[in-house]
C-alpha cells in the first residue's frame, strides 16, 4: 500500500502558522489594552492620593490648591489621552479578532480536507487488506483440494 500523501499539506501547515501568528498578534494587542487600562488606574489613584494629601492638611495654602488643580488638569489630559489610545487599541483588537477567525476558518477548511483524505486512505487500505485476505483464503482452499 502506498504512503498517505495530502497534496495541500504545505498549504495546511502554512495556514496553521498564519492562524497562530494572528492569535499572537491578538494577544499582544490585548496586553497593550490591559497595560493602558492599568496606567489609567494608576493615574486615577495618584490623583486621588495627591488630593487627599493636600486636603488632609490642617491649613491649606491657596498656592497649593492652585497647584493641585493644575496637577489634576494635567492628569485629566493624560487620562483622556490614555482613553483615546485604549479606544484605538480596542478597535484594533476587534479587527484582529476578525483576522484570527478568518485564519482559523481557512486552516480548518484545509484540516477537514486533510481528515477526509486520511479517512479515504484508511478505507482504501482496509479494502486492499480485505482483498488480499480473500485472495489468500481462496488460494489456500484451492490448494487444499
Protein backbone atom coordinates (compact mmCIF):
# COMPACT_ATOMS: atom_id res chain seq x y z
CA UNK A 1 0.00 0.00 0.00
CA UNK A 2 1.29 3.44 -0.85
CA UNK A 3 2.04 6.04 1.81
CA UNK A 4 -0.52 8.68 2.72
CA UNK A 5 0.08 11.90 0.82
CA UNK A 6 -2.00 15.06 1.13
CA UNK A 7 -1.11 17.37 -1.75
CA UNK A 8 -2.06 20.51 0.21
CA UNK A 9 -0.04 19.64 3.33
CA UNK A 10 2.39 22.54 2.91
CA UNK A 11 -0.50 24.97 2.50
CA UNK A 12 -2.25 23.44 5.53
CA UNK A 13 0.87 23.89 7.69
CA UNK A 14 1.29 27.46 6.41
CA UNK A 15 -2.34 28.25 7.25
CA UNK A 16 -1.81 26.80 10.72
CA UNK A 17 1.24 29.03 11.23
CA UNK A 18 -0.71 32.04 9.95
CA UNK A 19 -3.54 31.34 12.42
CA UNK A 20 -1.02 31.05 15.27
CA UNK A 21 0.65 34.30 14.20
CA UNK A 22 -2.67 36.14 14.09
CA UNK A 23 -3.53 34.80 17.56
CA UNK A 24 -0.17 36.02 18.85
CA UNK A 25 -0.86 39.49 17.45
CA UNK A 26 -4.25 39.44 19.16
CA UNK A 27 -2.62 38.55 22.48
CA UNK A 28 -0.17 41.42 22.07
CA UNK A 29 -2.99 43.89 21.38
CA UNK A 30 -4.91 42.64 24.42
CA UNK A 31 -1.79 43.04 26.56
CA UNK A 32 -1.38 46.61 25.27
CA UNK A 33 -5.02 47.36 26.11
CA UNK A 34 -4.55 45.95 29.62
CA UNK A 35 -1.37 48.00 30.04
CA UNK A 36 -3.22 51.19 29.06
CA UNK A 37 -6.05 50.38 31.48
CA UNK A 38 -3.51 49.79 34.25
CA UNK A 39 -1.78 53.10 33.52
CA UNK A 40 -5.14 54.86 33.69
CA UNK A 41 -5.93 53.27 37.06
CA UNK A 42 -2.52 54.32 38.40
CA UNK A 43 -3.06 57.92 37.32
CA UNK A 44 -6.53 57.99 38.87
CA UNK A 45 -5.14 56.59 42.12
CA UNK A 46 -2.31 59.13 42.03
CA UNK A 47 -4.82 61.99 41.55
CA UNK A 48 -6.95 60.82 44.47
CA UNK A 49 -3.91 60.37 46.70
CA UNK A 50 -2.50 63.82 45.94
CA UNK A 51 -5.86 65.48 46.55
CA UNK A 52 -6.25 63.59 49.81
CA UNK A 53 -2.77 64.63 50.96
CA UNK A 54 -3.39 68.30 50.27
CA UNK A 55 -6.90 68.35 51.72
CA UNK A 56 -5.81 66.44 54.85
CA UNK A 57 -3.54 69.30 55.94
CA UNK A 58 -4.80 71.43 58.80
CA UNK A 59 -4.11 74.67 56.91
CA UNK A 60 -4.18 74.80 53.13
CA UNK A 61 -2.17 77.38 51.27
CA UNK A 62 -4.06 78.85 48.27
CA UNK A 63 -0.93 78.26 46.16
CA UNK A 64 -1.14 74.55 46.99
CA UNK A 65 -4.79 74.48 45.89
CA UNK A 66 -3.83 76.16 42.62
CA UNK A 67 -1.00 73.69 42.13
CA UNK A 68 -3.31 70.79 42.95
CA UNK A 69 -5.86 71.97 40.40
CA UNK A 70 -3.18 72.37 37.72
CA UNK A 71 -1.89 68.90 38.53
CA UNK A 72 -5.41 67.45 38.36
CA UNK A 73 -5.96 69.08 34.95
CA UNK A 74 -2.68 67.61 33.76
CA UNK A 75 -3.76 64.17 34.98
CA UNK A 76 -7.18 64.55 33.31
CA UNK A 77 -5.41 65.28 29.99
CA UNK A 78 -3.24 62.18 30.44
CA UNK A 79 -6.32 60.10 31.25
CA UNK A 80 -8.08 61.49 28.19
CA UNK A 81 -5.08 60.58 26.03
CA UNK A 82 -4.97 57.09 27.55
CA UNK A 83 -8.70 56.67 26.92
CA UNK A 84 -8.21 57.63 23.27
CA UNK A 85 -5.30 55.23 22.89
CA UNK A 86 -7.29 52.47 24.59
CA UNK A 87 -10.29 53.02 22.28
CA UNK A 88 -7.94 52.81 19.29
CA UNK A 89 -6.40 49.67 20.75
CA UNK A 90 -9.83 48.10 21.32
CA UNK A 91 -10.74 48.84 17.70
CA UNK A 92 -7.53 47.09 16.64
CA UNK A 93 -8.40 44.16 18.93
CA UNK A 94 -11.81 43.82 17.28
CA UNK A 95 -10.21 43.96 13.83
CA UNK A 96 -7.58 41.42 14.84
CA UNK A 97 -10.27 39.09 16.22
CA UNK A 98 -11.79 39.07 12.73
CA UNK A 99 -8.41 38.22 11.22
CA UNK A 100 -7.94 35.39 13.72
CA UNK A 101 -11.38 33.97 12.94
CA UNK A 102 -10.69 34.12 9.20
CA UNK A 103 -7.26 32.50 9.58
CA UNK A 104 -8.73 29.74 11.75
CA UNK A 105 -11.56 29.20 9.25
CA UNK A 106 -9.10 28.85 6.38
CA UNK A 107 -6.96 26.40 8.35
CA UNK A 108 -9.97 24.37 9.49
CA UNK A 109 -11.17 24.06 5.91
CA UNK A 110 -7.86 22.51 4.88
CA UNK A 111 -7.77 20.44 8.04
CA UNK A 112 -11.20 18.97 7.23
CA UNK A 113 -9.98 18.18 3.71
CA UNK A 114 -6.92 16.51 5.24
CA UNK A 115 -9.09 14.44 7.60
CA UNK A 116 -11.39 13.41 4.77
CA UNK A 117 -8.41 12.37 2.60
CA UNK A 118 -6.94 10.44 5.57
CA UNK A 119 -10.19 8.56 6.16
CA UNK A 120 -10.44 7.70 2.47
CA UNK A 121 -6.84 6.46 2.51
CA UNK A 122 -7.53 4.30 5.57
CA UNK A 123 -10.70 2.91 3.94
CA UNK A 124 -8.73 2.07 0.79
CA UNK A 125 -6.09 0.35 2.90
CA UNK A 126 -8.69 -1.70 4.72
CA UNK A 127 -10.33 -2.64 1.44
CA UNK A 128 -6.97 -3.65 -0.02
CA UNK A 129 -6.20 -5.79 3.04
CA UNK A 130 -9.60 -7.47 2.80
CA UNK A 131 -8.98 -8.25 -0.86
CA UNK A 132 -5.55 -9.72 -0.09
CA UNK A 133 -7.02 -11.77 2.76
CA UNK A 134 -9.80 -13.04 0.48
CA UNK A 135 -7.31 -13.95 -2.25
CA UNK A 136 -5.11 -15.78 0.27
CA UNK A 137 -8.12 -17.64 1.64
CA UNK A 138 -9.18 -18.67 -1.87
CA UNK A 139 -5.64 -19.72 -2.78
CA UNK A 140 -5.42 -21.79 0.40
CA UNK A 141 -8.76 -23.50 -0.18
CA UNK A 142 -7.92 -24.27 -3.82
CA UNK A 143 -4.55 -25.71 -2.83
CA UNK A 144 -6.07 -27.86 -0.10
CA UNK A 145 -8.46 -29.62 -2.52
